[in-house]
Amino acid sequence: MSSPAASPRSPVAQAGWIVAVLLLGWVGFIFLPFGGPKDPEPLPPPPPRPPSELRKVGLRDNVDWEQMPGIFAVWADRAEWKNDRTLFAYWNPSAQDFTYHFEAIRTADGYRFKEWPPADDMKYLDEAPAADCPIRFYRTFGRSTIKPLRTPRPKLIRETEPGSVEVDLGKVDLEVSVKPVGTDPKK
């Protein structure tokens, strides 16, 4: 009888062969390159987009304003210009009113535009605009086009010395005395 350890088909020998094959497979997996698909080459970045027509004239992109520079060029001769600048309102189709406000600047290349918050006292040149004109021009002569800044108010309450306060009310002089709480006013 032969011993079980000496037999070529012993379970220990079979397990050794299985471990050896798995070890060689793992080493081959790590060190041998695969013939499968490689990662594709990264695509080059797309070329930069040219600036939109609105960006070229100084405005942000807004669908409502796409036709405005061309329309302004047609009606610009009706504007009141001061130092190559004029102010106007443009029709907002959503609001059905002249709610977009701009300043136009004449340059050698054409017109540039800036969004502009209108002053409350601004008046239109024409109170009844042409029916087909989506632009209303503001009067720019003899009117302030910039809202005045608030002037700082003088400090009305000043501490003259510790525990003493002086109040400036203009032409009224007022003297205030403070008594501690809990004292008898008759004393």
C-alpha atoms as a PDB file:
ATOM      1  CA  MET A   1       0.000   0.000   0.000  1.00  0.00           C
ATOM      2  CA  SER A   2       1.204   3.381  -0.814  1.00  0.00           C
ATOM      3  CA  SER A   3       0.988   6.257   1.555  1.00  0.00           C
ATOM      4  CA  PRO A   4      -1.581   8.927   0.821  1.00  0.00           C
ATOM      5  CA  ALA A   5       1.030  11.717   0.924  1.00  0.00           C
ATOM      6  CA  ALA A   6       3.141  10.082  -1.774  1.00  0.00           C
ATOM      7  CA  SER A   7       0.302   9.612  -4.198  1.00  0.00           C
ATOM      8  CA  PRO A   8       0.314  12.047  -7.159  1.00  0.00           C
ATOM      9  CA  ARG A   9      -3.362  12.629  -6.686  1.00  0.00           C
ATOM     10  CA  SER A  10      -3.299  13.444  -3.063  1.00  0.00           C
ATOM     11  CA  PRO A  11      -5.445  16.363  -1.922  1.00  0.00           C
ATOM     12  CA  VAL A  12      -2.380  18.221  -0.622  1.00  0.00           C
ATOM     13  CA  ALA A  13      -0.658  17.998  -4.017  1.00  0.00           C
ATOM     14  CA  GLN A  14      -3.814  19.072  -5.799  1.00  0.00           C
ATOM     15  CA  ALA A  15      -4.245  22.050  -3.469  1.00  0.00           C
ATOM     16  CA  GLY A  16      -0.615  23.022  -4.051  1.00  0.00           C
ATOM     17  CA  TRP A  17      -1.118  22.985  -7.813  1.00  0.00           C
ATOM     18  CA  ILE A  18      -4.300  25.042  -7.500  1.00  0.00           C
ATOM     19  CA  VAL A  19      -2.540  27.633  -5.327  1.00  0.00           C
ATOM     20  CA  ALA A  20       0.407  27.771  -7.766  1.00  0.00           C
ATOM     21  CA  VAL A  21      -1.869  28.299 -10.773  1.00  0.00           C
ATOM     22  CA  LEU A  22      -3.850  31.001  -8.967  1.00  0.00           C
ATOM     23  CA  LEU A  23      -0.624  32.723  -7.881  1.00  0.00           C
ATOM     24  CA  LEU A  24       0.766  32.695 -11.437  1.00  0.00           C
ATOM     25  CA  GLY A  25      -2.560  34.002 -12.758  1.00  0.00           C
ATOM     26  CA  TRP A  26      -2.547  36.844 -10.262  1.00  0.00           C
ATOM     27  CA  VAL A  27       1.087  37.762 -11.100  1.00  0.00           C
ATOM     28  CA  GLY A  28       0.236  37.655 -14.801  1.00  0.00           C
ATOM     29  CA  PHE A  29      -2.835  39.819 -14.208  1.00  0.00           C
ATOM     30  CA  ILE A  30      -0.745  42.436 -12.461  1.00  0.00           C
ATOM     31  CA  PHE A  31       2.286  42.546 -14.760  1.00  0.00           C
ATOM     32  CA  LEU A  32       0.994  41.684 -18.221  1.00  0.00           C
ATOM     33  CA  PRO A  33      -0.822  44.392 -20.181  1.00  0.00           C
ATOM     34  CA  PHE A  34      -4.326  43.699 -21.341  1.00  0.00           C
ATOM     35  CA  GLY A  35      -5.120  43.652 -24.989  1.00  0.00           C
ATOM     36  CA  GLY A  36      -8.552  45.189 -24.337  1.00  0.00           C
ATOM     37  CA  PRO A  37      -9.710  48.667 -25.294  1.00  0.00           C
ATOM     38  CA  LYS A  38      -7.560  51.502 -24.048  1.00  0.00           C
ATOM     39  CA  ASP A  39      -8.891  54.766 -22.678  1.00  0.00           C
ATOM     40  CA  PRO A  40      -9.697  57.100 -25.553  1.00  0.00           C
ATOM     41  CA  GLU A  41      -7.560  60.175 -26.007  1.00  0.00           C
ATOM     42  CA  PRO A  42      -9.192  63.163 -24.322  1.00  0.00           C
ATOM     43  CA  LEU A  43     -10.972  65.457 -26.725  1.00  0.00           C
ATOM     44  CA  PRO A  44      -9.406  68.873 -27.188  1.00  0.00           C
ATOM     45  CA  PRO A  45     -11.359  71.661 -25.481  1.00  0.00           C
ATOM     46  CA  PRO A  46     -13.837  73.386 -27.732  1.00  0.00           C
ATOM     47  CA  PRO A  47     -12.670  76.689 -29.163  1.00  0.00           C
ATOM     48  CA  PRO A  48     -13.821  79.710 -27.153  1.00  0.00           C
ATOM     49  CA  ARG A  49     -17.096  81.130 -28.324  1.00  0.00           C
ATOM     50  CA  PRO A  50     -16.954  84.628 -29.710  1.00  0.00           C
ATOM     51  CA  PRO A  51     -18.737  87.213 -27.571  1.00  0.00           C
ATOM     52  CA  SER A  52     -22.382  87.756 -28.384  1.00  0.00           C
ATOM     53  CA  GLU A  53     -23.513  90.891 -30.165  1.00  0.00           C
ATOM     54  CA  LEU A  54     -24.891  92.265 -26.896  1.00  0.00           C
ATOM     55  CA  ARG A  55     -21.581  91.716 -25.073  1.00  0.00           C
ATOM     56  CA  LYS A  56     -19.787  93.549 -27.883  1.00  0.00           C
ATOM     57  CA  VAL A  57     -21.859  96.684 -27.202  1.00  0.00           C
ATOM     58  CA  GLY A  58     -21.472  96.506 -23.407  1.00  0.00           C
ATOM     59  CA  LEU A  59     -24.639  94.676 -22.326  1.00  0.00           C
ATOM     60  CA  ARG A  60     -25.286  91.330 -20.692  1.00  0.00           C
ATOM     61  CA  ASP A  61     -27.078  88.659 -22.668  1.00  0.00           C
ATOM     62  CA  ASN A  62     -30.850  89.042 -22.523  1.00  0.00           C
ATOM     63  CA  VAL A  63     -33.251  87.644 -25.102  1.00  0.00           C
ATOM     64  CA  ASP A  64     -35.436  90.773 -24.925  1.00  0.00           C
ATOM     65  CA  TRP A  65     -32.507  93.009 -25.900  1.00  0.00           C
ATOM     66  CA  GLU A  66     -31.194  91.138 -28.951  1.00  0.00           C
ATOM     67  CA  GLN A  67     -32.728  93.587 -31.458  1.00  0.00           C
ATOM     68  CA  MET A  68     -32.218  96.716 -29.349  1.00  0.00           C
ATOM     69  CA  PRO A  69     -28.825  97.918 -30.753  1.00  0.00           C
ATOM     70  CA  GLY A  70     -30.137  97.840 -34.322  1.00  0.00           C
ATOM     71  CA  ILE A  71     -33.434  99.473 -33.388  1.00  0.00           C
ATOM     72  CA  PHE A  72     -31.603 102.171 -31.440  1.00  0.00           C
ATOM     73  CA  ALA A  73     -29.434 102.961 -34.482  1.00  0.00           C
ATOM     74  CA  VAL A  74     -32.603 103.581 -36.529  1.00  0.00           C
ATOM     75  CA  TRP A  75     -34.137 105.955 -33.955  1.00  0.00           C
ATOM     76  CA  ALA A  76     -30.942 107.566 -32.564  1.00  0.00           C
ATOM     77  CA  ASP A  77     -31.395 110.809 -34.510  1.00  0.00           C
ATOM     78  CA  ARG A  78     -34.457 111.626 -32.348  1.00  0.00           C
ATOM     79  CA  ALA A  79     -32.433 111.519 -29.111  1.00  0.00           C
ATOM     80  CA  GLU A  80     -31.209 114.506 -27.132  1.00  0.00           C
ATOM     81  CA  TRP A  81     -27.416 114.035 -26.942  1.00  0.00           C
ATOM     82  CA  LYS A  82     -25.106 115.574 -24.358  1.00  0.00           C
ATOM     83  CA  ASN A  83     -21.368 114.816 -24.490  1.00  0.00           C
ATOM     84  CA  ASP A  84     -22.123 111.925 -26.880  1.00  0.00           C
ATOM     85  CA  ARG A  85     -24.495 110.362 -24.340  1.00  0.00           C
ATOM     86  CA  THR A  86     -28.238 109.941 -24.176  1.00  0.00           C
ATOM     87  CA  LEU A  87     -30.733 108.126 -21.979  1.00  0.00           C
ATOM     88  CA  PHE A  88     -33.645 106.009 -23.138  1.00  0.00           C
ATOM     89  CA  ALA A  89     -36.197 103.391 -22.123  1.00  0.00           C
ATOM     90  CA  TYR A  90     -36.724 100.212 -24.132  1.00  0.00           C
ATOM     91  CA  TRP A  91     -39.940  98.206 -24.463  1.00  0.00           C
ATOM     92  CA  ASN A  92     -40.253  95.101 -22.283  1.00  0.00           C
ATOM     93  CA  PRO A  93     -42.591  92.655 -24.034  1.00  0.00           C
ATOM     94  CA  SER A  94     -43.261  90.702 -20.830  1.00  0.00           C
ATOM     95  CA  ALA A  95     -44.279  93.747 -18.776  1.00  0.00           C
ATOM     96  CA  GLN A  96     -45.875  95.513 -21.771  1.00  0.00           C
ATOM     97  CA  ASP A  97     -44.161  98.746 -20.722  1.00  0.00           C
ATOM     98  CA  PHE A  98     -40.896 100.671 -21.098  1.00  0.00           C
ATOM     99  CA  THR A  99     -39.119  99.056 -18.141  1.00  0.00           C
ATOM    100  CA  TYR A 100     -35.595  98.602 -19.534  1.00  0.00           C
ATOM    101  CA  HIS A 101     -33.485 101.753 -19.124  1.00  0.00           C
ATOM    102  CA  PHE A 102     -30.160 102.413 -20.831  1.00  0.00           C
ATOM    103  CA  GLU A 103     -27.528 105.016 -21.434  1.00  0.00           C
ATOM    104  CA  ALA A 104     -26.207 105.090 -25.001  1.00  0.00           C
ATOM    105  CA  ILE A 105     -22.703 106.335 -25.731  1.00  0.00           C
ATOM    106  CA  ARG A 106     -21.643 107.383 -29.224  1.00  0.00           C
ATOM    107  CA  THR A 107     -18.194 106.071 -30.179  1.00  0.00           C
ATOM    108  CA  ALA A 108     -16.199 106.012 -33.393  1.00  0.00           C
ATOM    109  CA  ASP A 109     -17.263 102.368 -33.886  1.00  0.00           C
ATOM    110  CA  GLY A 110     -20.980 102.912 -33.277  1.00  0.00           C
ATOM    111  CA  TYR A 111     -22.899 102.837 -30.007  1.00  0.00           C
ATOM    112  CA  ARG A 112     -22.120 101.332 -26.596  1.00  0.00           C
ATOM    113  CA  PHE A 113     -24.779 100.800 -23.943  1.00  0.00           C
ATOM    114  CA  LYS A 114     -25.035 100.629 -20.148  1.00  0.00           C
ATOM    115  CA  GLU A 115     -27.983  99.638 -18.023  1.00  0.00           C
ATOM    116  CA  TRP A 116     -29.179 102.653 -16.117  1.00  0.00           C
ATOM    117  CA  PRO A 117     -31.585 103.122 -13.180  1.00  0.00           C
ATOM    118  CA  PRO A 118     -33.751 106.124 -14.020  1.00  0.00           C
ATOM    119  CA  ALA A 119     -34.221 109.017 -11.639  1.00  0.00           C
ATOM    120  CA  ASP A 120     -37.763 109.673 -10.485  1.00  0.00           C
ATOM    121  CA  ASP A 121     -37.785 113.226 -11.842  1.00  0.00           C
ATOM    122  CA  MET A 122     -36.737 112.287 -15.398  1.00  0.00           C
ATOM    123  CA  LYS A 123     -39.138 113.225 -18.183  1.00  0.00           C
ATOM    124  CA  TYR A 124     -39.541 111.726 -21.636  1.00  0.00           C
ATOM    125  CA  LEU A 125     -38.884 113.882 -24.686  1.00  0.00           C
ATOM    126  CA  ASP A 126     -42.199 112.863 -26.205  1.00  0.00           C
ATOM    127  CA  GLU A 127     -45.149 112.007 -24.010  1.00  0.00           C
ATOM    128  CA  ALA A 128     -46.839 110.234 -26.943  1.00  0.00           C
ATOM    129  CA  PRO A 129     -44.195 108.106 -28.706  1.00  0.00           C
ATOM    130  CA  ALA A 130     -44.556 106.855 -32.262  1.00  0.00           C
ATOM    131  CA  ALA A 131     -46.685 103.711 -32.346  1.00  0.00           C
ATOM    132  CA  ASP A 132     -43.965 101.621 -34.001  1.00  0.00           C
ATOM    133  CA  CYS A 133     -41.059 102.870 -31.852  1.00  0.00           C
ATOM    134  CA  PRO A 134     -40.004 100.568 -28.983  1.00  0.00           C
ATOM    135  CA  ILE A 135     -37.729 103.301 -27.597  1.00  0.00           C
ATOM    136  CA  ARG A 136     -38.586 106.379 -25.539  1.00  0.00           C
ATOM    137  CA  PHE A 137     -35.854 108.952 -25.100  1.00  0.00           C
ATOM    138  CA  TYR A 138     -35.373 110.916 -21.893  1.00  0.00           C
ATOM    139  CA  ARG A 139     -34.614 114.603 -21.679  1.00  0.00           C
ATOM    140  CA  THR A 140     -30.933 114.921 -20.845  1.00  0.00           C
ATOM    141  CA  PHE A 141     -30.450 118.695 -20.887  1.00  0.00           C
ATOM    142  CA  GLY A 142     -31.195 120.760 -17.815  1.00  0.00           C
ATOM    143  CA  ARG A 143     -31.878 117.705 -15.661  1.00  0.00           C
ATOM    144  CA  SER A 144     -29.739 115.722 -13.309  1.00  0.00           C
ATOM    145  CA  THR A 145     -29.129 112.256 -14.761  1.00  0.00           C
ATOM    146  CA  ILE A 146     -27.647 110.928 -11.555  1.00  0.00           C
ATOM    147  CA  LYS A 147     -29.618 110.541  -8.387  1.00  0.00           C
ATOM    148  CA  PRO A 148     -28.134 112.842  -5.739  1.00  0.00           C
ATOM    149  CA  LEU A 149     -26.385 111.123  -2.889  1.00  0.00           C
ATOM    150  CA  ARG A 150     -27.823 111.633   0.558  1.00  0.00           C
ATOM    151  CA  THR A 151     -25.821 114.138   2.523  1.00  0.00           C
ATOM    152  CA  PRO A 152     -24.716 112.797   5.878  1.00  0.00           C
ATOM    153  CA  ARG A 153     -26.815 114.112   8.732  1.00  0.00           C
ATOM    154  CA  PRO A 154     -24.996 115.761  11.610  1.00  0.00           C
ATOM    155  CA  LYS A 155     -24.786 113.760  14.754  1.00  0.00           C
ATOM    156  CA  LEU A 156     -27.735 114.942  16.830  1.00  0.00           C
ATOM    157  CA  ILE A 157     -26.723 113.390  20.142  1.00  0.00           C
ATOM    158  CA  ARG A 158     -23.236 114.015  21.533  1.00  0.00           C
ATOM    159  CA  GLU A 159     -21.731 112.926  24.801  1.00  0.00           C
ATOM    160  CA  THR A 160     -20.156 116.072  26.230  1.00  0.00           C
ATOM    161  CA  GLU A 161     -18.731 114.438  29.340  1.00  0.00           C
ATOM    162  CA  PRO A 162     -19.259 111.036  30.924  1.00  0.00           C
ATOM    163  CA  GLY A 163     -22.870 110.801  32.080  1.00  0.00           C
ATOM    164  CA  SER A 164     -23.950 114.019  30.295  1.00  0.00           C
ATOM    165  CA  VAL A 165     -25.576 114.143  26.855  1.00  0.00           C
ATOM    166  CA  GLU A 166     -26.149 117.121  24.568  1.00  0.00           C
ATOM    167  CA  VAL A 167     -28.944 116.928  21.994  1.00  0.00           C
ATOM    168  CA  ASP A 168     -28.904 119.195  18.912  1.00  0.00           C
ATOM    169  CA  LEU A 169     -32.440 119.780  17.624  1.00  0.00           C
ATOM    170  CA  GLY A 170     -31.627 122.765  15.474  1.00  0.00           C
ATOM    171  CA  LYS A 171     -33.148 125.975  16.822  1.00  0.00           C
ATOM    172  CA  VAL A 172     -34.668 124.310  19.895  1.00  0.00           C
ATOM    173  CA  ASP A 173     -32.575 124.113  23.050  1.00  0.00           C
ATOM    174  CA  LEU A 174     -33.643 121.386  25.383  1.00  0.00           C
ATOM    175  CA  GLU A 175     -32.113 120.618  28.727  1.00  0.00           C
ATOM    176  CA  VAL A 176     -32.731 117.204  30.197  1.00  0.00           C
ATOM    177  CA  SER A 177     -31.901 116.199  33.712  1.00  0.00           C
ATOM    178  CA  VAL A 178     -31.890 112.620  34.854  1.00  0.00           C
ATOM    179  CA  LYS A 179     -32.656 111.595  38.451  1.00  0.00           C
ATOM    180  CA  PRO A 180     -31.862 108.157  39.770  1.00  0.00           C
ATOM    181  CA  VAL A 181     -34.812 105.814  40.199  1.00  0.00           C
ATOM    182  CA  GLY A 182     -36.116 105.374  43.726  1.00  0.00           C
ATOM    183  CA  THR A 183     -35.387 108.869  45.039  1.00  0.00           C
ATOM    184  CA  ASP A 184     -38.003 111.126  46.554  1.00  0.00           C
ATOM    185  CA  PRO A 185     -38.571 114.175  44.263  1.00  0.00           C
ATOM    186  CA  LYS A 186     -39.551 116.352  47.294  1.00  0.00           C
ATOM    187  CA  LYS A 187     -36.114 116.095  48.828  1.00  0.00           C
END
